[in-house]
Amino acid sequence: MSAGTGIASFRATLDGEECEVEYREGETLLDCMLAEGLDPAFQCMDAHCGTCMVKLVAGEIKMRKNKVLSKRDLEQDYVLLCQSIPLTDDVWVDCDG
């Protein structure tokens, strides 16, 4: 469990499978998924391309930066995996939707 946030893990749906992913303090959701051997879509890792855009199903995240998602995307709960840090322990992202 992360000492700073108290967040131990988050859920991710990827390729039709629901995964429980260990959260590593200070790392993005994408970094945590890659550390566990998962293969979500991504490319630039700097909020420029939008390849890692996913739907936030539950919980709250903070994006470090956003250079590609529109206001409409944000209103529809889309986030960038490469920039997202969980704020609550119930974060669930859908990489398939």
C-alpha atoms as a PDB file:
ATOM      1  CA  MET A   1       0.000   0.000   0.000  1.00  0.00           C
ATOM      2  CA  SER A   2       1.249   3.507  -0.799  1.00  0.00           C
ATOM      3  CA  ALA A   3       2.338   5.329   2.327  1.00  0.00           C
ATOM      4  CA  GLY A   4       1.348   8.778   1.069  1.00  0.00           C
ATOM      5  CA  THR A   5      -2.075   8.162  -0.422  1.00  0.00           C
ATOM      6  CA  GLY A   6      -3.270   4.964   1.176  1.00  0.00           C
ATOM      7  CA  ILE A   7      -4.100   3.694  -2.304  1.00  0.00           C
ATOM      8  CA  ALA A   8      -2.984   0.100  -2.794  1.00  0.00           C
ATOM      9  CA  SER A   9      -4.402  -0.622  -6.238  1.00  0.00           C
ATOM     10  CA  PHE A  10      -6.786   0.359  -9.001  1.00  0.00           C
ATOM     11  CA  ARG A  11      -8.910  -1.589 -11.478  1.00  0.00           C
ATOM     12  CA  ALA A  12      -8.433  -1.604 -15.225  1.00  0.00           C
ATOM     13  CA  THR A  13     -10.435  -3.303 -17.938  1.00  0.00           C
ATOM     14  CA  LEU A  14      -8.100  -4.294 -20.772  1.00  0.00           C
ATOM     15  CA  ASP A  15      -8.847  -6.633 -23.676  1.00  0.00           C
ATOM     16  CA  GLY A  16     -12.093  -7.698 -22.002  1.00  0.00           C
ATOM     17  CA  GLU A  17     -10.360  -8.682 -18.755  1.00  0.00           C
ATOM     18  CA  GLU A  18     -10.697  -6.856 -15.460  1.00  0.00           C
ATOM     19  CA  CYS A  19      -7.325  -6.461 -13.747  1.00  0.00           C
ATOM     20  CA  GLU A  20      -6.347  -5.356 -10.264  1.00  0.00           C
ATOM     21  CA  VAL A  21      -3.201  -3.252 -10.663  1.00  0.00           C
ATOM     22  CA  GLU A  22      -0.850  -2.396  -7.810  1.00  0.00           C
ATOM     23  CA  TYR A  23      -0.499   1.358  -7.389  1.00  0.00           C
ATOM     24  CA  ARG A  24       3.054   2.640  -7.000  1.00  0.00           C
ATOM     25  CA  GLU A  25       3.262   5.943  -5.140  1.00  0.00           C
ATOM     26  CA  GLY A  26       3.799   8.914  -7.444  1.00  0.00           C
ATOM     27  CA  GLU A  27       3.556   6.925 -10.669  1.00  0.00           C
ATOM     28  CA  THR A  28       0.930   7.262 -13.371  1.00  0.00           C
ATOM     29  CA  LEU A  29      -1.685   4.614 -14.034  1.00  0.00           C
ATOM     30  CA  LEU A  30       0.147   3.791 -17.274  1.00  0.00           C
ATOM     31  CA  ASP A  31       3.471   3.282 -15.495  1.00  0.00           C
ATOM     32  CA  CYS A  32       1.815   0.966 -12.972  1.00  0.00           C
ATOM     33  CA  MET A  33       0.122  -1.068 -15.693  1.00  0.00           C
ATOM     34  CA  LEU A  34       3.369  -1.444 -17.639  1.00  0.00           C
ATOM     35  CA  ALA A  35       5.218  -2.479 -14.453  1.00  0.00           C
ATOM     36  CA  GLU A  36       2.739  -5.366 -14.092  1.00  0.00           C
ATOM     37  CA  GLY A  37       3.283  -6.553 -17.668  1.00  0.00           C
ATOM     38  CA  LEU A  38       0.001  -5.191 -19.040  1.00  0.00           C
ATOM     39  CA  ASP A  39      -0.072  -3.735 -22.543  1.00  0.00           C
ATOM     40  CA  PRO A  40      -2.447  -0.762 -22.778  1.00  0.00           C
ATOM     41  CA  ALA A  41      -2.289   1.430 -25.881  1.00  0.00           C
ATOM     42  CA  PHE A  42       0.122   4.338 -25.520  1.00  0.00           C
ATOM     43  CA  GLN A  43       2.653   6.243 -27.551  1.00  0.00           C
ATOM     44  CA  CYS A  44       4.126   9.603 -26.512  1.00  0.00           C
ATOM     45  CA  MET A  45       3.726   9.429 -22.687  1.00  0.00           C
ATOM     46  CA  ASP A  46       3.574  13.241 -22.638  1.00  0.00           C
ATOM     47  CA  ALA A  47      -0.135  14.101 -23.151  1.00  0.00           C
ATOM     48  CA  HIS A  48       0.339  15.013 -26.829  1.00  0.00           C
ATOM     49  CA  CYS A  49      -1.155  12.155 -28.827  1.00  0.00           C
ATOM     50  CA  GLY A  50      -4.231  10.847 -26.994  1.00  0.00           C
ATOM     51  CA  THR A  51      -3.390   7.200 -27.735  1.00  0.00           C
ATOM     52  CA  CYS A  52      -3.742   6.314 -24.032  1.00  0.00           C
ATOM     53  CA  MET A  53      -7.170   7.958 -23.642  1.00  0.00           C
ATOM     54  CA  VAL A  54      -9.429   5.747 -21.509  1.00  0.00           C
ATOM     55  CA  LYS A  55     -12.800   6.046 -19.790  1.00  0.00           C
ATOM     56  CA  LEU A  56     -12.768   6.688 -16.048  1.00  0.00           C
ATOM     57  CA  VAL A  57     -15.514   4.364 -14.797  1.00  0.00           C
ATOM     58  CA  ALA A  58     -15.171   5.113 -11.078  1.00  0.00           C
ATOM     59  CA  GLY A  59     -13.079   7.073  -8.631  1.00  0.00           C
ATOM     60  CA  GLU A  60     -11.165  10.301  -8.965  1.00  0.00           C
ATOM     61  CA  ILE A  61      -7.848  11.006 -10.643  1.00  0.00           C
ATOM     62  CA  LYS A  62      -5.650  14.024 -11.217  1.00  0.00           C
ATOM     63  CA  MET A  63      -4.036  14.488 -14.602  1.00  0.00           C
ATOM     64  CA  ARG A  64      -0.588  16.063 -14.429  1.00  0.00           C
ATOM     65  CA  LYS A  65      -1.195  17.728 -17.776  1.00  0.00           C
ATOM     66  CA  ASN A  66      -3.543  17.536 -20.729  1.00  0.00           C
ATOM     67  CA  LYS A  67      -2.670  18.808 -24.177  1.00  0.00           C
ATOM     68  CA  VAL A  68      -5.073  16.704 -26.229  1.00  0.00           C
ATOM     69  CA  LEU A  69      -8.415  15.988 -24.518  1.00  0.00           C
ATOM     70  CA  SER A  70     -11.250  18.384 -25.347  1.00  0.00           C
ATOM     71  CA  LYS A  71     -13.666  19.843 -22.838  1.00  0.00           C
ATOM     72  CA  ARG A  72     -16.234  17.359 -24.170  1.00  0.00           C
ATOM     73  CA  ASP A  73     -13.825  14.433 -23.633  1.00  0.00           C
ATOM     74  CA  LEU A  74     -13.301  15.548 -20.043  1.00  0.00           C
ATOM     75  CA  GLU A  75     -17.047  15.963 -19.455  1.00  0.00           C
ATOM     76  CA  GLN A  76     -17.509  12.371 -20.678  1.00  0.00           C
ATOM     77  CA  ASP A  77     -14.908  11.175 -18.112  1.00  0.00           C
ATOM     78  CA  TYR A  78     -12.069  10.411 -20.511  1.00  0.00           C
ATOM     79  CA  VAL A  79      -8.562  10.637 -19.068  1.00  0.00           C
ATOM     80  CA  LEU A  80      -5.001  10.017 -20.224  1.00  0.00           C
ATOM     81  CA  LEU A  81      -3.355   6.986 -18.619  1.00  0.00           C
ATOM     82  CA  CYS A  82       0.086   8.553 -19.058  1.00  0.00           C
ATOM     83  CA  GLN A  83      -0.850  11.551 -16.918  1.00  0.00           C
ATOM     84  CA  SER A  84      -3.329  10.125 -14.392  1.00  0.00           C
ATOM     85  CA  ILE A  85      -2.614   9.770 -10.687  1.00  0.00           C
ATOM     86  CA  PRO A  86      -5.367   8.198  -8.515  1.00  0.00           C
ATOM     87  CA  LEU A  87      -6.856  10.360  -5.764  1.00  0.00           C
ATOM     88  CA  THR A  88      -9.262   7.753  -4.378  1.00  0.00           C
ATOM     89  CA  ASP A  89      -8.981   4.020  -3.730  1.00  0.00           C
ATOM     90  CA  ASP A  90     -11.868   3.110  -6.042  1.00  0.00           C
ATOM     91  CA  VAL A  91     -10.317   4.141  -9.375  1.00  0.00           C
ATOM     92  CA  TRP A  92     -11.396   2.003 -12.321  1.00  0.00           C
ATOM     93  CA  VAL A  93     -10.436   2.730 -15.920  1.00  0.00           C
ATOM     94  CA  ASP A  94     -11.825   1.067 -19.039  1.00  0.00           C
ATOM     95  CA  CYS A  95      -9.116   0.754 -21.668  1.00  0.00           C
ATOM     96  CA  ASP A  96     -11.511  -0.964 -24.074  1.00  0.00           C
ATOM     97  CA  GLY A  97     -14.236   1.686 -24.148  1.00  0.00           C
END
